[in-house]
Amino acid sequence: MRILAFETTGAHASVACADAEGNIFEKSSEGVLNHLQSLMPMTEALLIQNGISLKDISCVAASAGPGSFTGIRIGVSSARALAQAMGVPCIGAPTLQSFLFNIDGYDGIVCPILDARRGEVYGGAFRFVEADGGMEEIEEIVAGGAYPIEKYLDILKEGLTVAYNGRVMFFGDGLPLHEDGIERWGLESLASAVRLEFAEDGKRLQTASSVAKLALKLYDEGKQVEYAKLLPAYMRRAEAERKLEAGRLTFKR
C-alpha cells in the first residue's frame, strides 16, 4: 500500500509517496507559486527515481486547506484527476493538522498560523493524546479557522488550562508577522510552566511528507473517499465573492 500526497497550499509545492511501513520519499519545488507548472513533473520524477509505478498507488491525498486558494484548487483537482484515472480513493488532509507531523516525536501542542491577510490568520492548535488500545488520536485545542490574531490567542489561552505544564510550538508562514507579538502575549498571559517555542526555519512550513504521514493515519481510520468527494477547505470566501455580495465588485472594459 502506498499513498501519493500533494502539498500546494503554501509558497512551495511538494509531493511525497509513503508506504505502510512509514517510508517516505519527497520532492519539493524551489520555485515560488509555480504549482501548476511543477506539480506533475515533480510527481513523475519522484516515482521514476524511486522505482514506483502508478499501479502501486493505493490512494491519492491532497492538503485540502486552508492556504492559498489557487494552490488548494491545484492540489485538490490534481489529486481528483489522478485518483479518477487510476480508480483509487482520495484523502483530504487538513493542512493545519499536518503540522503535527513536521517534527517527529514532539509531545506538546502544535499551533500553526498561516497568513490569511486582512489582519487575520488561519490558525488551529492540536496535540496527540493516547486513546484506547495505545493508538494516538488528534485532540483539537483550537478549531481550525480564520481568526484575528488576538482572537486566536484568546481561544488558545482558554485551552491552555492552569493544569497544563508543557510545550507549545508555533509553526507557519504567519510567524514573521506575529512572532514578536506572540512572545509578548506568552510573557503577559501564560503560566510560567507553559513553554513557548517557535519551529526552526526548516520545519515551520507545510510539506508533502507531513501530509503523507497524516494521510496514512486517516487511511488507517477509513477516512478515504471517492474522488468526487474530495473537496477544498478554504475556511473563508474569496475576496471577489465578498465584494460581489457587498455590491462592491466592478468590472473594467
Protein backbone atom coordinates (compact mmCIF):
# COMPACT_ATOMS: atom_id res chain seq x y z
CA MET A 1 0.00 0.00 0.00
CA ARG A 2 1.32 3.42 -1.00
CA ILE A 3 -0.16 6.89 -0.68
CA LEU A 4 0.76 9.72 -3.03
CA ALA A 5 0.41 13.12 -1.33
CA PHE A 6 0.35 16.68 -2.70
CA GLU A 7 1.08 19.87 -0.77
CA THR A 8 0.22 23.05 -2.69
CA THR A 9 -1.29 25.34 -0.05
CA GLY A 10 1.91 27.30 0.59
CA ALA A 11 4.53 29.09 -1.47
CA HIS A 12 6.41 25.92 -2.50
CA ALA A 13 4.71 22.86 -3.97
CA SER A 14 5.86 19.40 -2.90
CA VAL A 15 4.89 15.79 -3.49
CA ALA A 16 5.57 12.71 -1.36
CA CYS A 17 4.94 8.98 -1.52
CA ALA A 18 4.56 6.93 1.68
CA ASP A 19 4.14 3.21 2.26
CA ALA A 20 2.50 1.32 5.12
CA GLU A 21 5.85 0.95 6.91
CA GLY A 22 6.25 4.73 7.04
CA ASN A 23 8.96 5.01 4.39
CA ILE A 24 8.55 8.36 2.67
CA PHE A 25 10.06 9.83 -0.50
CA GLU A 26 9.59 13.55 -1.12
CA LYS A 27 10.36 16.11 -3.79
CA SER A 28 9.90 19.88 -3.46
CA SER A 29 9.87 22.79 -5.89
CA GLU A 30 12.33 25.60 -5.35
CA GLY A 31 10.12 27.96 -7.34
CA VAL A 32 7.56 30.16 -5.63
CA LEU A 33 3.87 29.69 -6.51
CA ASN A 34 4.66 27.69 -9.64
CA HIS A 35 2.46 24.77 -8.57
CA LEU A 36 0.63 24.35 -11.85
CA GLN A 37 3.87 24.03 -13.83
CA SER A 38 5.84 21.95 -11.31
CA LEU A 39 3.47 19.52 -9.59
CA MET A 40 3.01 16.84 -12.25
CA PRO A 41 6.65 16.86 -13.49
CA MET A 42 7.79 16.55 -9.84
CA THR A 43 5.40 13.66 -9.31
CA GLU A 44 6.66 11.82 -12.36
CA ALA A 45 10.29 12.37 -11.36
CA LEU A 46 9.67 11.22 -7.78
CA LEU A 47 8.05 7.97 -8.89
CA ILE A 48 10.70 7.20 -11.51
CA GLN A 49 13.63 7.95 -9.17
CA ASN A 50 12.23 5.59 -6.53
CA GLY A 51 11.07 2.81 -8.84
CA ILE A 52 7.38 3.34 -8.05
CA SER A 53 4.65 2.76 -10.61
CA LEU A 54 1.25 4.42 -10.63
CA LYS A 55 -0.11 0.88 -10.28
CA ASP A 56 1.49 0.78 -6.82
CA ILE A 57 -0.53 3.77 -5.58
CA SER A 58 -3.49 2.83 -3.37
CA CYS A 59 -4.72 6.34 -2.56
CA VAL A 60 -4.05 9.97 -3.52
CA ALA A 61 -4.03 12.63 -0.80
CA ALA A 62 -4.11 16.39 -1.07
CA SER A 63 -3.53 19.07 1.53
CA ALA A 64 -7.08 20.40 1.43
CA GLY A 65 -6.59 23.80 3.05
CA PRO A 66 -6.55 26.41 4.33
CA GLY A 67 -3.90 28.34 2.46
CA SER A 68 -3.57 29.83 -0.99
CA PHE A 69 -6.94 29.49 -2.73
CA THR A 70 -5.29 28.88 -6.11
CA GLY A 71 -2.83 26.42 -4.61
CA ILE A 72 -5.59 24.47 -2.88
CA ARG A 73 -7.53 24.19 -6.14
CA ILE A 74 -4.46 22.93 -7.99
CA GLY A 75 -3.67 20.27 -5.39
CA VAL A 76 -7.23 19.06 -4.95
CA SER A 77 -8.03 18.98 -8.68
CA SER A 78 -4.76 17.16 -9.44
CA ALA A 79 -5.47 14.54 -6.77
CA ARG A 80 -9.02 14.08 -8.03
CA ALA A 81 -7.89 13.68 -11.64
CA LEU A 82 -5.21 11.11 -10.81
CA ALA A 83 -7.48 9.17 -8.49
CA GLN A 84 -10.23 9.05 -11.09
CA ALA A 85 -7.82 7.89 -13.80
CA MET A 86 -6.33 5.19 -11.56
CA GLY A 87 -9.58 4.10 -9.93
CA VAL A 88 -8.32 4.68 -6.37
CA PRO A 89 -9.77 6.69 -3.45
CA CYS A 90 -8.69 10.09 -2.16
CA ILE A 91 -7.96 11.64 1.21
CA GLY A 92 -8.37 15.31 2.04
CA ALA A 93 -5.73 16.06 4.69
CA PRO A 94 -6.48 19.13 6.83
CA THR A 95 -3.49 21.40 6.25
CA LEU A 96 -3.31 22.73 9.79
CA GLN A 97 -3.32 19.24 11.30
CA SER A 98 -0.48 18.16 9.01
CA PHE A 99 1.90 20.34 11.08
CA LEU A 100 1.62 17.72 13.84
CA PHE A 101 3.99 15.62 11.74
CA ASN A 102 6.60 18.30 10.96
CA ILE A 103 8.69 17.26 13.99
CA ASP A 104 8.80 13.56 14.84
CA GLY A 105 8.14 12.78 18.47
CA TYR A 106 7.09 16.28 19.53
CA ASP A 107 4.97 15.87 22.66
CA GLY A 108 3.49 19.35 23.03
CA ILE A 109 0.73 21.38 21.45
CA VAL A 110 1.25 22.31 17.79
CA CYS A 111 -0.02 25.78 16.81
CA PRO A 112 0.14 26.51 13.08
CA ILE A 113 -0.69 30.05 11.94
CA LEU A 114 -0.82 30.93 8.25
CA ASP A 115 -1.06 34.48 6.94
CA ALA A 116 -4.67 34.95 5.81
CA ARG A 117 -4.24 38.69 5.10
CA ARG A 118 -6.78 41.33 6.06
CA GLY A 119 -5.39 41.20 9.60
CA GLU A 120 -6.24 37.52 10.10
CA VAL A 121 -4.51 34.17 10.37
CA TYR A 122 -5.65 30.68 9.53
CA GLY A 123 -4.92 29.01 12.82
CA GLY A 124 -5.54 25.99 14.98
CA ALA A 125 -3.96 24.12 17.88
CA PHE A 126 -3.61 20.34 18.14
CA ARG A 127 -1.83 17.60 20.04
CA PHE A 128 -1.66 13.83 20.13
CA VAL A 129 -3.38 12.03 23.00
CA GLU A 130 -3.34 8.32 23.76
CA ALA A 131 -6.59 6.54 23.02
CA ASP A 132 -7.86 3.03 23.70
CA GLY A 133 -5.50 0.31 22.58
CA GLY A 134 -2.47 2.58 22.72
CA MET A 135 -3.40 4.36 19.50
CA GLU A 136 -2.84 8.10 19.20
CA GLU A 137 -5.71 10.45 18.42
CA ILE A 138 -5.58 14.10 17.44
CA GLU A 139 -7.06 16.42 20.05
CA GLU A 140 -8.25 19.82 18.85
CA ILE A 141 -7.38 22.63 21.28
CA VAL A 142 -8.33 25.44 18.88
CA ALA A 143 -10.57 24.60 15.93
CA GLY A 144 -9.06 25.37 12.56
CA GLY A 145 -10.40 28.62 11.14
CA ALA A 146 -9.72 32.22 10.14
CA TYR A 147 -9.14 34.48 13.16
CA PRO A 148 -7.80 37.91 14.04
CA ILE A 149 -4.55 37.03 15.81
CA GLU A 150 -5.81 38.47 19.11
CA LYS A 151 -8.93 36.28 18.98
CA TYR A 152 -6.86 33.22 18.14
CA LEU A 153 -4.56 33.78 21.10
CA ASP A 154 -7.52 34.36 23.43
CA ILE A 155 -9.02 30.99 22.45
CA LEU A 156 -5.63 29.31 22.76
CA LYS A 157 -5.19 30.72 26.26
CA GLU A 158 -8.52 29.21 27.27
CA GLY A 159 -7.30 25.84 26.02
CA LEU A 160 -4.06 26.07 27.99
CA THR A 161 -5.51 25.48 31.40
CA VAL A 162 -3.61 26.09 34.61
CA ALA A 163 -3.06 22.34 34.86
CA TYR A 164 -1.22 22.23 31.54
CA ASN A 165 2.53 22.29 32.14
CA GLY A 166 4.11 21.63 28.79
CA ARG A 167 5.39 22.77 25.46
CA VAL A 168 3.58 24.87 22.86
CA MET A 169 5.21 25.30 19.45
CA PHE A 170 4.15 27.71 16.70
CA PHE A 171 4.55 26.96 13.00
CA GLY A 172 3.57 28.57 9.71
CA ASP A 173 4.20 31.47 7.39
CA GLY A 174 2.35 33.79 9.77
CA LEU A 175 5.31 33.79 12.18
CA PRO A 176 7.31 36.60 10.56
CA LEU A 177 4.34 38.91 11.15
CA HIS A 178 3.34 37.71 14.61
CA GLU A 179 6.28 36.07 16.40
CA ASP A 180 7.17 39.14 18.48
CA GLY A 181 3.54 39.66 19.48
CA ILE A 182 3.16 36.00 20.45
CA GLU A 183 6.26 36.22 22.64
CA ARG A 184 4.83 39.26 24.46
CA TRP A 185 1.47 37.52 24.82
CA GLY A 186 3.16 34.48 26.34
CA LEU A 187 5.05 36.52 28.90
CA GLU A 188 1.98 38.52 29.87
CA SER A 189 -0.75 35.87 29.71
CA LEU A 190 0.56 32.36 30.32
CA ALA A 191 1.72 30.49 33.38
CA SER A 192 5.49 30.19 33.65
CA ALA A 193 5.24 26.39 33.34
CA VAL A 194 3.99 26.74 29.76
CA ARG A 195 6.99 26.78 27.44
CA LEU A 196 6.51 28.71 24.19
CA GLU A 197 8.63 27.62 21.23
CA PHE A 198 8.89 28.55 17.55
CA ALA A 199 9.71 25.97 14.92
CA GLU A 200 13.04 26.39 13.18
CA ASP A 201 13.03 27.57 9.58
CA GLY A 202 13.39 24.10 8.07
CA LYS A 203 10.40 22.76 10.00
CA ARG A 204 7.91 25.61 10.13
CA LEU A 205 6.18 25.36 6.72
CA GLN A 206 3.85 22.88 5.01
CA THR A 207 5.43 19.76 3.49
CA ALA A 208 4.06 16.89 1.45
CA SER A 209 5.83 14.40 3.73
CA SER A 210 3.75 15.63 6.68
CA VAL A 211 0.62 15.46 4.53
CA ALA A 212 1.55 11.87 3.65
CA LYS A 213 2.02 10.93 7.32
CA LEU A 214 -1.37 12.41 8.21
CA ALA A 215 -2.93 10.67 5.21
CA LEU A 216 -1.55 7.31 6.39
CA LYS A 217 -3.26 7.84 9.74
CA LEU A 218 -6.53 8.85 8.08
CA TYR A 219 -6.31 5.88 5.71
CA ASP A 220 -5.95 3.50 8.65
CA GLU A 221 -9.05 5.16 10.16
CA GLY A 222 -11.03 4.55 6.96
CA LYS A 223 -11.29 8.24 6.02
CA GLN A 224 -10.66 7.77 2.30
CA VAL A 225 -13.39 8.92 -0.13
CA GLU A 226 -14.13 8.60 -3.82
CA TYR A 227 -12.51 11.28 -6.00
CA ALA A 228 -15.70 13.34 -6.46
CA LYS A 229 -15.97 13.84 -2.69
CA LEU A 230 -12.50 15.31 -2.26
CA LEU A 231 -13.25 18.98 -1.63
CA PRO A 232 -11.19 22.06 -0.74
CA ALA A 233 -11.34 23.55 2.77
CA TYR A 234 -10.90 27.28 2.15
CA MET A 235 -12.22 28.32 5.61
CA ARG A 236 -13.48 31.61 4.22
CA ARG A 237 -14.79 33.07 0.99
CA ALA A 238 -12.58 34.58 -1.69
CA GLU A 239 -12.24 38.38 -1.82
CA ALA A 240 -14.19 38.55 -5.10
CA GLU A 241 -17.13 36.69 -3.53
CA ARG A 242 -17.16 39.06 -0.55
CA LYS A 243 -17.13 42.12 -2.83
CA LEU A 244 -19.85 40.66 -5.05
CA GLU A 245 -22.12 40.05 -2.06
CA ALA A 246 -21.47 43.58 -0.80
CA GLY A 247 -22.16 45.07 -4.23
CA ARG A 248 -18.62 46.46 -4.49
CA LEU A 249 -17.28 44.30 -7.31
CA THR A 250 -16.71 46.29 -10.52
CA PHE A 251 -15.66 45.16 -13.95
CA LYS A 252 -13.40 47.11 -16.31
CA ARG A 253 -13.94 47.09 -20.04
